[in-house]
Structures are given as structure tokens and as C-alpha cells.
């Protein structure tokens, strides 16, 4: 149903908020989002990146998971692998960032007020490496969303339809597109939690 109204964003991140958490300059989009059809190479690309991260961190990598849309079979996505890495203390950058930088990742986001989340970027393939500490609510959320979409085609189709509609709009920053998806993501997560997912 392409003519369904899109949900309103729960909130939109401002440029000042992005500047406050970005290492370096925030990258402007000022355009639409490019979605790719599901690529069966994505899981293998994740496996290569996971080996690289484990090689850099060893036992400091407490959990390493392929998350986000590229981790869901059949789901269109921005062709960027989202990887979740749990370390003992994500705020202690000296314990893991230098090793990851040696492996080719670049620290781009530092969010002390949001679970001490750090984001490092990789290229070839494009990677968003999300770093969190143990027992973080966002870890549960990422894994629940992935697992639910893998097993519930109706919500997978709803999410893809929403993403395709939003991708056609012009966004100042990619984060604004992500913000606009929040309402449908929260609806899907509510169903997953209600089902004991």
C-alpha cells in the first residue's frame, strides 16, 4: 500500500546535536537515500569483518553480531554493514579504539549521553561498527529487531515499505532518515516484546 501515510518522526536530530557527537565534521547528505536490494554477499562480508575485529581485539570483543537491515535475508538496505561490538567499557576508548584504527576503522561518533555508544566506520565494504558495553538496552533492541524481522515477513515487508518511502525524500543528514524510521521500528519492537521475542 504505497499511499499509506508515513509515521511522523518521534524526534529529529538537529545539526548542532550531530556536531556535538561527531568526531570531525558531520557528513551532509542533502539528498535521498540509496537502498540496495538484499545482497547474499553481505553475511560473508560480515564474517570477514568479524575476523578482522576479533584479530584486532582478541578477548576484548565480548560479543560481535551482524545487525541492521543487511543482516536480514531478503531485506533491502543501505549497502553498509551494521556490526554490533560489545566491549568491557565502551567509554574506555584507549582499550579498543587504537587496535580498531590499526585494523582500518575510524572513530566517527562518541555519545557519552546515549549508552556511551561509539561508532567507527570501515570501508571496503562500508561498515558502521557500533560499540556498546555489556548489559546495554540498545544491544537487546538491535538483536530483537534483527531476530524478529528474520522470522516475521509481515513486519519485514512493513519495514521495507517504510524505508523505501522515506528513502525518496530529501534528507540533510542520514541520521534524519534514521530518525524518521523510529516510529515504525518502535511499533515492530512492541509487537516483538509482546510476543516474548
Protein backbone atom coordinates (compact mmCIF):
# COMPACT_ATOMS: atom_id res chain seq x y z
CA UNK A 1 0.00 0.00 0.00
CA UNK A 2 2.35 2.75 -1.22
CA UNK A 3 -0.15 5.55 -0.50
CA UNK A 4 -0.25 4.87 3.27
CA UNK A 5 0.83 7.95 5.25
CA UNK A 6 4.27 7.75 6.75
CA UNK A 7 4.56 7.92 10.53
CA UNK A 8 5.81 11.18 11.94
CA UNK A 9 9.34 11.04 13.36
CA UNK A 10 9.37 10.82 17.15
CA UNK A 11 12.14 13.41 17.08
CA UNK A 12 14.61 14.80 14.59
CA UNK A 13 18.28 15.15 15.45
CA UNK A 14 19.48 18.71 14.86
CA UNK A 15 22.72 19.69 13.17
CA UNK A 16 24.04 21.04 16.49
CA UNK A 17 23.29 17.70 18.17
CA UNK A 18 25.14 15.87 15.40
CA UNK A 19 28.13 18.20 15.69
CA UNK A 20 28.26 17.58 19.44
CA UNK A 21 28.76 13.81 18.99
CA UNK A 22 30.65 13.63 15.69
CA UNK A 23 34.42 13.22 15.61
CA UNK A 24 35.34 15.60 12.80
CA UNK A 25 32.71 17.18 10.57
CA UNK A 26 29.25 15.61 10.20
CA UNK A 27 28.82 14.35 6.65
CA UNK A 28 25.91 16.08 4.95
CA UNK A 29 23.66 14.14 2.62
CA UNK A 30 21.33 16.84 1.23
CA UNK A 31 19.69 14.21 -0.92
CA UNK A 32 17.83 10.94 -1.00
CA UNK A 33 18.87 7.61 0.48
CA UNK A 34 20.18 4.86 -1.80
CA UNK A 35 18.76 1.47 -0.89
CA UNK A 36 20.12 -1.71 -2.45
CA UNK A 37 18.28 -4.98 -2.93
CA UNK A 38 19.38 -7.67 -0.48
CA UNK A 39 22.85 -8.91 -1.38
CA UNK A 40 23.61 -12.54 -0.50
CA UNK A 41 27.27 -11.49 -0.13
CA UNK A 42 26.51 -9.44 3.00
CA UNK A 43 26.79 -12.32 5.51
CA UNK A 44 30.16 -13.35 4.06
CA UNK A 45 31.35 -9.72 4.20
CA UNK A 46 30.30 -9.62 7.85
CA UNK A 47 32.28 -12.83 8.53
CA UNK A 48 35.43 -11.23 7.06
CA UNK A 49 34.95 -8.06 9.12
CA UNK A 50 34.24 -10.10 12.26
CA UNK A 51 37.51 -11.98 11.78
CA UNK A 52 39.33 -8.66 11.34
CA UNK A 53 37.76 -7.24 14.53
CA UNK A 54 38.49 -10.40 16.54
CA UNK A 55 42.04 -10.35 15.20
CA UNK A 56 42.46 -6.76 16.39
CA UNK A 57 40.79 -7.17 19.80
CA UNK A 58 41.02 -10.81 20.76
CA UNK A 59 39.15 -11.49 24.00
CA UNK A 60 38.27 -7.79 24.36
CA UNK A 61 35.49 -8.47 21.81
CA UNK A 62 32.87 -9.84 24.19
CA UNK A 63 30.09 -10.02 21.57
CA UNK A 64 30.18 -9.48 17.83
CA UNK A 65 26.94 -9.62 15.83
CA UNK A 66 25.72 -8.71 12.36
CA UNK A 67 22.75 -6.37 12.95
CA UNK A 68 20.70 -3.89 10.94
CA UNK A 69 19.00 -4.46 7.63
CA UNK A 70 21.94 -6.14 5.91
CA UNK A 71 21.62 -8.95 8.48
CA UNK A 72 18.03 -9.80 7.43
CA UNK A 73 17.65 -12.13 4.47
CA UNK A 74 15.63 -10.51 1.68
CA UNK A 75 15.51 -7.00 3.17
CA UNK A 76 16.58 -4.03 1.06
CA UNK A 77 19.15 -1.87 2.83
CA UNK A 78 21.69 0.88 2.55
CA UNK A 79 24.75 -1.13 1.45
CA UNK A 80 26.51 -0.55 4.77
CA UNK A 81 27.09 -3.43 7.19
CA UNK A 82 25.99 -2.68 10.74
CA UNK A 83 28.08 -4.59 13.24
CA UNK A 84 27.48 -4.65 16.98
CA UNK A 85 30.58 -4.97 19.17
CA UNK A 86 30.34 -5.28 22.94
CA UNK A 87 33.48 -4.48 24.95
CA UNK A 88 34.01 -4.30 28.71
CA UNK A 89 33.60 -0.50 28.78
CA UNK A 90 32.78 1.40 25.60
CA UNK A 91 33.74 4.69 27.30
CA UNK A 92 37.31 3.42 27.69
CA UNK A 93 38.35 4.16 24.13
CA UNK A 94 42.04 3.54 24.81
CA UNK A 95 41.22 -0.14 25.44
CA UNK A 96 39.93 -0.80 21.91
CA UNK A 97 39.91 2.19 19.52
CA UNK A 98 43.68 2.19 18.70
CA UNK A 99 43.54 -1.52 17.82
CA UNK A 100 40.49 -0.99 15.63
CA UNK A 101 42.12 2.01 13.95
CA UNK A 102 45.12 -0.21 13.17
CA UNK A 103 42.64 -2.57 11.50
CA UNK A 104 41.32 0.24 9.30
CA UNK A 105 38.34 1.61 11.23
CA UNK A 106 37.89 5.31 12.03
CA UNK A 107 36.13 6.67 15.13
CA UNK A 108 33.30 8.94 13.95
CA UNK A 109 30.69 9.11 16.74
CA UNK A 110 31.11 9.47 20.51
CA UNK A 111 27.84 9.55 22.50
CA UNK A 112 28.56 9.69 26.24
CA UNK A 113 24.92 10.51 26.99
CA UNK A 114 23.48 7.59 24.99
CA UNK A 115 24.80 4.32 26.47
CA UNK A 116 28.40 5.53 25.89
CA UNK A 117 27.85 4.43 22.28
CA UNK A 118 30.79 4.72 19.90
CA UNK A 119 30.62 4.29 16.15
CA UNK A 120 33.59 3.50 13.97
CA UNK A 121 33.44 3.41 10.20
CA UNK A 122 35.11 0.98 7.88
CA UNK A 123 35.42 0.96 4.11
CA UNK A 124 35.69 -1.85 1.57
CA UNK A 125 32.98 -2.92 2.47
CA UNK A 126 31.29 0.04 4.12
CA UNK A 127 30.79 -0.69 7.83
CA UNK A 128 29.15 1.04 10.77
CA UNK A 129 30.71 -0.59 13.83
CA UNK A 130 28.56 0.14 16.90
CA UNK A 131 30.41 -0.28 20.20
CA UNK A 132 28.50 -0.72 23.46
CA UNK A 133 29.14 -2.03 26.97
CA UNK A 134 27.64 -5.23 28.45
CA UNK A 135 24.01 -5.29 29.59
CA UNK A 136 23.06 -2.32 27.41
CA UNK A 137 19.40 -1.92 26.45
CA UNK A 138 20.39 -0.94 22.91
CA UNK A 139 22.12 -4.29 22.40
CA UNK A 140 18.89 -6.09 23.28
CA UNK A 141 16.95 -3.77 20.98
CA UNK A 142 19.25 -4.31 17.97
CA UNK A 143 19.21 -8.09 18.35
CA UNK A 144 15.46 -8.27 18.96
CA UNK A 145 14.73 -6.19 15.86
CA UNK A 146 17.03 -8.34 13.72
CA UNK A 147 15.67 -11.64 15.00
CA UNK A 148 12.04 -10.55 14.71
CA UNK A 149 12.43 -9.32 11.12
CA UNK A 150 14.18 -12.57 10.18
CA UNK A 151 11.12 -14.59 11.26
CA UNK A 152 8.15 -12.26 10.66
CA UNK A 153 7.64 -11.46 6.96
CA UNK A 154 4.72 -9.07 7.55
CA UNK A 155 6.84 -6.76 9.71
CA UNK A 156 9.82 -7.19 7.39
CA UNK A 157 7.64 -6.02 4.48
CA UNK A 158 6.23 -3.13 6.55
CA UNK A 159 9.74 -2.02 7.47
CA UNK A 160 10.99 -2.26 3.90
CA UNK A 161 7.97 -0.39 2.54
CA UNK A 162 8.51 2.38 5.11
CA UNK A 163 12.22 2.59 4.28
CA UNK A 164 11.53 2.79 0.54
CA UNK A 165 9.01 5.59 1.01
CA UNK A 166 11.33 7.55 3.31
CA UNK A 167 14.35 6.98 1.05
CA UNK A 168 12.68 9.03 -1.68
CA UNK A 169 12.60 12.14 0.48
CA UNK A 170 15.47 14.61 0.68
CA UNK A 171 17.40 14.48 3.95
CA UNK A 172 20.01 16.89 5.29
CA UNK A 173 21.78 14.07 7.17
CA UNK A 174 21.41 10.28 7.06
CA UNK A 175 20.55 10.49 10.78
CA UNK A 176 17.37 12.39 9.87
CA UNK A 177 16.27 9.42 7.73
CA UNK A 178 17.05 7.09 10.66
CA UNK A 179 15.00 9.33 12.98
CA UNK A 180 12.05 9.16 10.58
CA UNK A 181 12.04 5.34 10.82
CA UNK A 182 11.85 5.37 14.62
CA UNK A 183 8.06 5.21 14.92
CA UNK A 184 7.73 2.09 12.77
CA UNK A 185 10.75 0.50 14.47
CA UNK A 186 9.18 1.07 17.89
CA UNK A 187 5.86 -0.41 16.68
CA UNK A 188 7.66 -3.52 15.44
CA UNK A 189 9.68 -3.85 18.64
CA UNK A 190 6.50 -3.51 20.72
CA UNK A 191 4.99 -6.46 18.85
CA UNK A 192 8.17 -8.47 19.30
CA UNK A 193 8.27 -7.79 23.04
CA UNK A 194 4.55 -8.55 23.43
CA UNK A 195 5.15 -11.90 21.76
CA UNK A 196 8.01 -12.60 24.16
CA UNK A 197 10.54 -12.20 21.33
